[in-house]
Amino acid sequence: MSATSVLPMCVRASRGLLRLRSGSSSTAAVDIIRTLSVDKPTAGTGSATGGLAQAILQEKLQQQQQVQRQSLPEGKEGEREGEQTDDKKQKENTAYAKKMVLRLAGFMGLGGAVGIVYIFGTNSVDEQGNTVNPPVVQQLKRTFKYFKDYRQMIIEPTSPKLLPDPLKEPYYQPPYTLVLELTDVLLHPEWSLATGWRFKKRPGIDYLFQQLAPLYEIVIFTAETGMTAYPLIDSIDPQGFVMYRLFRDATRYMEGHHVKDVSCLNRDTSKVIVVDCKREAFSLQPFNGMALKKWDGNSEDRTLYDLANFLKTIALSGIEDVRAVLENYALEDDPIEAFKRRQAQLAQDEEQRLAELSQQKKQGLSLSSITSRFWRSKQQ
């Protein structure tokens, strides 16, 4: 083999070794091996030299691949350590921010408490108009009393006597008192995007008021606020059948419900009937109330007509204690329907009794006619 043929092969091999040493990709080594294999000489010495170069390059390639395999896990571990460090820093920053927020909230709460005690517990002047600086204990007591009275104002009715004393002669005082809820008993609230809130009048309101006004003292006692309910009552009662109006501030707030305490009405509880759609509204006196079904706005509803007949029957019967009657309907889901069923049954029983009585009279007449005929024939 001549020197001219070996020289290019050695040059290519040296260039490949330089590439591997400089850290280039493994494709360079593959190219070198392909080059040596293509330029394979024919002489024996040349083939030996080429085989030696190929062996050296393959060994270098294997070493390079091993180094790359070892470097990959080390790089992943480094990335994991970096992520763990970032997470730790983020947690530390979050804990620090929470601690600072809690401290700030504590300082603000303490400042607010001091301000409340100063505002509500300080009596700046006495009866003579002199400036007074009470001690801290006295300020704390006054502040506690103020909030206690405020809580009592929310929970308790505004007065132990919500209605004035009954009228005396020569004025007429109805013998019974009817307490009506406004929402979902007399009116149904409806909301739409175009009109907002509107209240629909229930069929039979005018009939109810006209039939019961001579017999009952009509009181609207609603859980709505006075600002909302007052104009609504004016719209449904233009003739003034409603004698008194009571609102949310007159209820007793218990377990999340506005309860109507009949004992605070300043009336004989044996003559008071509460009509509502929630049993919780009269839970303190359960046998003084009737729980109607919630009206859904149906224009074909006839409940108020039937209610007027039911209450009129009680009043005209002269019931001494309405609780004895309402107790029979306390467990009914719809007391008005139960009243109608019982009325129909009573009417059927009455018809049957009259039929039996008429039958007995007919039998009595036939027997008396036979007896009279026998007596006449005997005399003859």
Protein backbone atom coordinates (compact mmCIF):
# COMPACT_ATOMS: atom_id res chain seq x y z
CA MET A 1 0.00 0.00 0.00
CA SER A 2 1.42 3.40 -0.98
CA ALA A 3 1.77 6.40 1.25
CA THR A 4 -0.58 8.38 -0.97
CA SER A 5 -3.43 5.98 -0.26
CA VAL A 6 -2.82 5.79 3.50
CA LEU A 7 -2.40 9.51 4.03
CA PRO A 8 -6.04 10.54 3.32
CA MET A 9 -7.27 7.76 5.55
CA CYS A 10 -5.09 8.92 8.44
CA VAL A 11 -6.19 12.53 7.93
CA ARG A 12 -9.85 11.56 8.12
CA ALA A 13 -9.25 9.45 11.23
CA SER A 14 -7.40 12.25 12.98
CA ARG A 15 -10.21 14.69 12.21
CA GLY A 16 -12.73 12.27 13.69
CA LEU A 17 -10.70 11.88 16.86
CA LEU A 18 -10.51 15.64 17.23
CA ARG A 19 -14.31 15.89 16.90
CA LEU A 20 -14.87 13.24 19.53
CA ARG A 21 -12.41 14.91 21.89
CA SER A 22 -14.05 18.32 21.42
CA GLY A 23 -17.41 16.84 22.59
CA SER A 24 -19.28 16.81 19.31
CA SER A 25 -22.17 14.42 18.69
CA SER A 26 -21.72 10.72 18.09
CA THR A 27 -22.76 11.13 14.44
CA ALA A 28 -19.21 12.30 13.66
CA ALA A 29 -17.77 8.99 14.79
CA VAL A 30 -20.34 7.12 12.73
CA ASP A 31 -19.34 9.17 9.67
CA ILE A 32 -15.67 8.34 10.22
CA ILE A 33 -16.34 4.63 10.41
CA ARG A 34 -18.40 4.80 7.23
CA THR A 35 -15.56 6.69 5.52
CA LEU A 36 -12.94 4.14 6.55
CA SER A 37 -15.13 1.28 5.47
CA VAL A 38 -15.71 2.88 2.09
CA ASP A 39 -12.04 3.70 1.51
CA LYS A 40 -10.91 0.20 2.44
CA PRO A 41 -7.60 -0.59 0.62
CA THR A 42 -6.77 -3.77 -1.06
CA ALA A 43 -3.36 -4.51 0.39
CA GLY A 44 -2.92 -6.41 3.60
CA THR A 45 -1.00 -3.73 5.43
CA GLY A 46 -3.59 -1.15 4.57
CA SER A 47 -6.43 -3.34 5.73
CA ALA A 48 -4.68 -3.97 9.02
CA THR A 49 -4.14 -0.26 9.51
CA GLY A 50 -7.76 0.48 8.64
CA GLY A 51 -9.04 -2.22 11.00
CA LEU A 52 -6.93 -0.76 13.80
CA ALA A 53 -8.35 2.71 13.18
CA GLN A 54 -11.88 1.35 13.14
CA ALA A 55 -11.34 -0.43 16.46
CA ILE A 56 -9.97 2.73 18.04
CA LEU A 57 -12.91 4.77 16.80
CA GLN A 58 -15.49 2.22 17.99
CA GLU A 59 -13.92 2.19 21.44
CA LYS A 60 -14.02 5.98 21.55
CA LEU A 61 -17.66 5.92 20.45
CA GLN A 62 -18.63 3.46 23.20
CA GLN A 63 -16.86 5.58 25.83
CA GLN A 64 -18.68 8.68 24.58
CA GLN A 65 -22.08 6.92 24.79
CA GLN A 66 -21.36 5.71 28.34
CA VAL A 67 -20.45 9.24 29.40
CA GLN A 68 -23.70 10.57 27.90
CA ARG A 69 -25.77 7.88 29.68
CA GLN A 70 -24.19 8.74 32.99
CA SER A 71 -24.70 12.44 32.49
CA LEU A 72 -28.46 12.08 31.84
CA PRO A 73 -29.43 10.86 35.35
CA GLU A 74 -27.15 13.44 36.90
CA GLY A 75 -28.94 16.15 34.94
CA LYS A 76 -32.36 14.85 36.01
CA GLU A 77 -31.29 14.74 39.63
CA GLY A 78 -30.08 18.29 39.33
CA GLU A 79 -33.41 19.37 37.90
CA ARG A 80 -35.25 17.60 40.73
CA GLU A 81 -33.09 19.28 43.33
CA GLY A 82 -33.77 22.62 41.68
CA GLU A 83 -37.52 22.02 41.68
CA GLN A 84 -37.44 20.97 45.34
CA THR A 85 -35.51 24.11 46.20
CA ASP A 86 -38.06 26.27 44.35
CA ASP A 87 -40.98 24.54 46.10
CA LYS A 88 -39.33 25.04 49.46
CA LYS A 89 -38.80 28.72 48.77
CA GLN A 90 -42.40 29.11 47.61
CA LYS A 91 -43.72 27.43 50.78
CA GLU A 92 -41.54 29.64 52.93
CA ASN A 93 -42.83 32.73 51.13
CA THR A 94 -46.44 31.58 51.52
CA ALA A 95 -45.99 30.89 55.23
CA TYR A 96 -44.40 34.29 55.70
CA ALA A 97 -47.25 36.02 53.85
CA LYS A 98 -49.84 34.22 56.00
CA LYS A 99 -48.00 35.19 59.14
CA MET A 100 -47.91 38.83 58.10
CA VAL A 101 -51.61 38.82 57.16
CA LEU A 102 -52.54 37.30 60.52
CA ARG A 103 -50.47 39.89 62.34
CA LEU A 104 -52.06 42.70 60.36
CA ALA A 105 -55.55 41.28 61.04
CA GLY A 106 -54.75 40.99 64.72
CA PHE A 107 -53.59 44.60 64.90
CA MET A 108 -56.67 45.76 63.01
CA GLY A 109 -58.98 43.71 65.25
CA LEU A 110 -57.36 45.06 68.37
CA GLY A 111 -57.63 48.60 67.06
CA GLY A 112 -61.27 48.07 66.11
CA ALA A 113 -62.09 46.65 69.56
CA VAL A 114 -60.47 49.63 71.25
CA GLY A 115 -62.36 52.00 68.97
CA ILE A 116 -65.71 50.26 69.67
CA VAL A 117 -65.15 50.41 73.42
CA TYR A 118 -64.21 54.07 73.18
CA ILE A 119 -67.22 55.01 71.01
CA PHE A 120 -69.96 52.96 72.71
CA GLY A 121 -68.58 52.85 76.24
CA THR A 122 -67.67 56.48 76.80
CA ASN A 123 -70.22 58.81 78.29
CA SER A 124 -68.68 62.14 77.42
CA VAL A 125 -70.89 64.29 79.68
CA ASP A 126 -72.85 63.71 82.87
CA GLU A 127 -76.30 65.02 83.84
CA GLN A 128 -74.89 68.46 84.59
CA GLY A 129 -73.04 68.63 81.29
CA ASN A 130 -69.57 68.14 82.75
CA THR A 131 -67.00 66.11 80.83
CA VAL A 132 -66.48 62.68 82.35
CA ASN A 133 -63.66 60.22 81.73
CA PRO A 134 -64.96 56.88 83.07
CA PRO A 135 -62.55 54.07 83.88
CA VAL A 136 -61.90 51.29 81.41
CA VAL A 137 -64.00 48.73 83.32
CA GLN A 138 -67.02 51.02 83.17
CA GLN A 139 -66.52 51.52 79.46
CA LEU A 140 -66.42 47.76 78.92
CA LYS A 141 -69.66 47.30 80.88
CA ARG A 142 -71.42 50.00 78.89
CA THR A 143 -70.25 48.52 75.61
CA PHE A 144 -71.47 45.05 76.62
CA LYS A 145 -74.86 46.46 77.64
CA TYR A 146 -75.19 48.34 74.37
CA PHE A 147 -74.63 45.24 72.23
CA LYS A 148 -76.83 43.14 74.50
CA ASP A 149 -79.70 45.59 74.06
CA TYR A 150 -79.09 45.67 70.30
CA ARG A 151 -79.21 41.87 70.08
CA GLN A 152 -82.37 41.85 72.19
CA MET A 153 -83.92 44.36 69.81
CA ILE A 154 -83.29 42.03 66.86
CA ILE A 155 -84.47 38.82 68.53
CA GLU A 156 -87.38 40.04 70.67
CA PRO A 157 -90.54 41.82 69.47
CA THR A 158 -90.52 45.58 69.63
CA SER A 159 -93.10 45.60 72.44
CA PRO A 160 -94.75 43.10 74.80
CA LYS A 161 -98.08 44.52 73.58
CA LEU A 162 -98.07 44.70 69.80
CA LEU A 163 -101.71 45.75 69.51
CA PRO A 164 -103.61 48.38 71.49
CA ASP A 165 -106.24 47.40 74.01
CA PRO A 166 -109.54 46.05 72.59
CA LEU A 167 -112.20 48.61 71.79
CA LYS A 168 -114.84 49.25 74.40
CA GLU A 169 -118.45 50.23 74.04
CA PRO A 170 -119.95 52.10 72.26
CA TYR A 171 -117.36 50.99 69.69
CA TYR A 172 -117.60 47.54 68.14
CA GLN A 173 -114.88 45.02 68.84
CA PRO A 174 -115.09 41.81 66.74
CA PRO A 175 -115.12 38.68 68.91
CA TYR A 176 -112.23 36.98 67.06
CA THR A 177 -108.83 38.07 65.75
CA LEU A 178 -107.50 36.85 62.39
CA VAL A 179 -103.74 37.17 61.75
CA LEU A 180 -102.77 36.83 58.08
CA GLU A 181 -99.38 36.48 56.42
CA LEU A 182 -98.85 38.57 53.31
CA THR A 183 -96.25 36.71 51.22
CA ASP A 184 -97.39 33.45 49.56
CA VAL A 185 -100.77 33.64 51.34
CA LEU A 186 -102.29 36.84 49.96
CA LEU A 187 -99.60 37.78 47.43
CA HIS A 188 -97.10 35.86 45.30
CA PRO A 189 -93.73 37.50 44.46
CA GLU A 190 -92.57 37.13 40.87
CA TRP A 191 -89.33 38.32 39.28
CA SER A 192 -88.36 38.76 35.66
CA LEU A 193 -85.48 40.47 33.91
CA ALA A 194 -87.81 42.89 32.17
CA THR A 195 -89.97 44.01 35.12
CA GLY A 196 -88.00 43.08 38.24
CA TRP A 197 -90.01 42.16 41.34
CA ARG A 198 -93.79 42.16 41.11
CA PHE A 199 -96.48 40.86 43.50
CA LYS A 200 -99.50 39.00 42.17
CA LYS A 201 -102.80 39.34 44.03
CA ARG A 202 -104.41 36.06 45.02
CA PRO A 203 -108.00 35.41 43.85
CA GLY A 204 -110.55 35.81 46.65
CA ILE A 205 -108.87 38.50 48.78
CA ASP A 206 -111.77 40.92 48.46
CA TYR A 207 -114.29 38.17 49.23
CA LEU A 208 -112.28 37.12 52.28
CA PHE A 209 -112.14 40.63 53.71
CA GLN A 210 -115.80 41.38 53.03
CA GLN A 211 -117.07 38.14 54.59
CA LEU A 212 -114.87 38.20 57.69
CA ALA A 213 -114.62 41.89 58.53
CA PRO A 214 -117.80 41.88 60.71
CA LEU A 215 -116.68 38.75 62.56
CA TYR A 216 -112.91 39.09 62.85
CA GLU A 217 -110.43 41.77 63.75
CA ILE A 218 -108.17 41.43 60.66
CA VAL A 219 -104.46 41.90 61.29
CA ILE A 220 -101.74 41.48 58.65
CA PHE A 221 -98.63 40.23 60.43
CA THR A 222 -95.84 39.60 57.92
CA ALA A 223 -92.17 38.68 58.06
CA GLU A 224 -91.47 41.32 55.40
CA THR A 225 -90.09 44.72 56.30
CA GLY A 226 -92.45 47.65 56.67
CA MET A 227 -90.87 49.45 53.72
CA THR A 228 -91.84 46.57 51.43
CA ALA A 229 -95.18 45.51 52.92
CA TYR A 230 -96.88 48.83 53.66
CA PRO A 231 -97.59 49.88 50.03
CA LEU A 232 -98.60 46.31 49.17
CA ILE A 233 -101.23 46.27 51.92
CA ASP A 234 -102.55 49.60 50.67
CA SER A 235 -102.91 48.15 47.17
CA ILE A 236 -104.88 45.03 48.21
CA ASP A 237 -107.06 46.73 50.84
CA PRO A 238 -108.31 50.04 49.45
CA GLN A 239 -111.49 49.88 51.59
CA GLY A 240 -109.61 49.59 54.89
CA PHE A 241 -110.77 46.20 56.18
CA VAL A 242 -107.34 45.57 57.73
CA MET A 243 -107.34 47.10 61.21
CA TYR A 244 -103.66 46.66 62.16
CA ARG A 245 -100.36 45.98 60.42
CA LEU A 246 -97.33 44.29 61.97
CA PHE A 247 -93.98 43.68 60.30
CA ARG A 248 -90.70 41.83 60.77
CA ASP A 249 -89.57 43.89 63.75
CA ALA A 250 -92.58 42.58 65.70
CA THR A 251 -91.59 38.91 65.24
CA ARG A 252 -89.47 36.81 67.56
CA TYR A 253 -86.34 35.49 65.82
CA MET A 254 -85.81 31.85 66.80
CA GLU A 255 -83.59 29.22 65.13
CA GLY A 256 -83.46 31.09 61.85
CA HIS A 257 -87.22 31.75 61.64
CA HIS A 258 -89.38 34.80 62.29
CA VAL A 259 -91.96 33.51 64.77
CA LYS A 260 -95.23 35.30 65.49
CA ASP A 261 -95.82 35.21 69.22
CA VAL A 262 -99.58 35.24 69.82
CA SER A 263 -99.06 36.06 73.50
CA CYS A 264 -97.70 39.50 72.51
CA LEU A 265 -100.82 40.51 70.56
CA ASN A 266 -102.67 41.78 73.65
CA ARG A 267 -105.66 39.62 72.78
CA ASP A 268 -107.34 36.54 74.25
CA THR A 269 -105.33 33.66 72.74
CA SER A 270 -108.43 31.45 72.68
CA LYS A 271 -109.91 33.82 70.07
CA VAL A 272 -106.84 34.26 67.82
CA ILE A 273 -106.31 32.40 64.52
CA VAL A 274 -103.01 32.68 62.64
CA VAL A 275 -102.99 31.83 58.91
CA ASP A 276 -99.57 31.27 57.36
CA CYS A 277 -97.82 28.98 54.87
CA LYS A 278 -95.04 28.03 57.32
CA ARG A 279 -95.64 26.10 60.52
CA GLU A 280 -92.54 27.69 62.07
CA ALA A 281 -94.35 31.03 62.03
CA PHE A 282 -96.65 29.95 64.89
CA SER A 283 -94.44 27.29 66.49
CA LEU A 284 -94.83 28.87 69.96
CA GLN A 285 -98.61 28.35 69.83
CA PRO A 286 -99.10 25.52 67.31
CA PHE A 287 -102.86 25.14 67.96
CA ASN A 288 -103.53 28.80 67.17
CA GLY A 289 -102.45 28.48 63.55
CA MET A 290 -103.35 27.02 60.18
CA ALA A 291 -100.61 26.18 57.67
CA LEU A 292 -101.96 26.64 54.15
CA LYS A 293 -100.17 25.38 51.09
CA LYS A 294 -97.82 27.91 49.55
CA TRP A 295 -99.55 29.69 46.67
CA ASP A 296 -97.62 29.36 43.41
CA GLY A 297 -99.43 32.13 41.54
CA ASN A 298 -102.15 29.99 39.95
CA SER A 299 -105.00 32.24 38.82
CA GLU A 300 -107.57 29.42 39.22
CA ASP A 301 -106.88 29.07 42.94
CA ARG A 302 -109.96 28.94 45.24
CA THR A 303 -108.28 28.57 48.61
CA LEU A 304 -109.25 31.97 50.02
CA TYR A 305 -112.93 31.36 49.23
CA ASP A 306 -112.83 28.07 51.13
CA LEU A 307 -110.84 29.70 53.95
CA ALA A 308 -113.50 32.39 54.30
CA ASN A 309 -116.22 29.73 54.60
CA PHE A 310 -114.20 27.80 57.18
CA LEU A 311 -113.50 30.83 59.37
CA LYS A 312 -117.06 32.06 59.00
CA THR A 313 -118.34 28.68 60.21
CA ILE A 314 -116.16 28.94 63.33
CA ALA A 315 -117.33 32.47 64.11
CA LEU A 316 -121.04 31.80 63.54
CA SER A 317 -120.84 28.64 65.65
CA GLY A 318 -119.74 30.74 68.63
CA ILE A 319 -116.70 28.61 69.43
CA GLU A 320 -115.34 29.51 72.86
CA ASP A 321 -111.81 28.28 72.18
CA VAL A 322 -110.66 28.10 68.57
CA ARG A 323 -107.67 25.96 69.56
CA ALA A 324 -110.00 23.01 70.15
CA VAL A 325 -111.05 23.23 66.49
CA LEU A 326 -107.66 24.00 64.95
CA GLU A 327 -106.07 21.13 66.88
CA ASN A 328 -108.04 18.72 64.70
CA TYR A 329 -106.36 20.16 61.61
CA ALA A 330 -102.86 20.52 63.02
CA LEU A 331 -101.51 17.39 61.32
CA GLU A 332 -103.20 17.97 57.97
CA ASP A 333 -101.03 18.93 54.99
CA ASP A 334 -103.93 20.95 53.59
CA PRO A 335 -106.41 21.90 56.33
CA ILE A 336 -108.82 23.53 53.87
CA GLU A 337 -109.16 20.34 51.84
CA ALA A 338 -109.60 18.38 55.08
CA PHE A 339 -112.36 20.80 56.11
CA LYS A 340 -114.12 20.35 52.77
CA ARG A 341 -113.95 16.55 53.08
CA ARG A 342 -115.37 16.64 56.59
CA GLN A 343 -118.11 19.05 55.53
CA ALA A 344 -119.06 16.74 52.68
CA GLN A 345 -119.11 13.77 55.04
CA LEU A 346 -121.27 15.69 57.54
CA ALA A 347 -123.67 16.67 54.77
CA GLN A 348 -123.90 13.06 53.64
CA ASP A 349 -124.51 11.87 57.19
CA GLU A 350 -127.18 14.54 57.63
CA GLU A 351 -128.94 13.48 54.45
CA GLN A 352 -128.85 9.88 55.58
CA ARG A 353 -130.24 10.83 58.98
CA LEU A 354 -133.07 12.81 57.41
CA ALA A 355 -133.84 9.94 55.07
CA GLU A 356 -134.02 7.51 57.98
CA LEU A 357 -136.19 9.92 59.92
CA SER A 358 -138.59 10.34 57.03
CA GLN A 359 -138.72 6.56 56.63
CA GLN A 360 -139.56 6.16 60.30
CA LYS A 361 -142.29 8.77 60.00
CA LYS A 362 -143.79 6.95 57.03
CA GLN A 363 -143.75 3.68 58.96
CA GLY A 364 -145.33 5.38 61.95
CA LEU A 365 -148.07 6.87 59.80
CA SER A 366 -148.87 3.53 58.20
CA LEU A 367 -149.06 1.83 61.60
CA SER A 368 -151.30 4.55 63.01
CA SER A 369 -153.60 4.34 59.97
CA ILE A 370 -153.95 0.58 60.40
CA THR A 371 -154.71 1.02 64.11
CA SER A 372 -157.32 3.68 63.44
CA ARG A 373 -159.03 1.57 60.82
CA PHE A 374 -159.12 -1.41 63.19
CA TRP A 375 -160.59 0.75 65.95
CA ARG A 376 -163.28 2.12 63.66
CA SER A 377 -164.27 -1.32 62.44
CA LYS A 378 -164.50 -2.56 66.00
CA GLN A 379 -166.78 0.29 66.98
CA GLN A 380 -169.03 -0.41 64.04
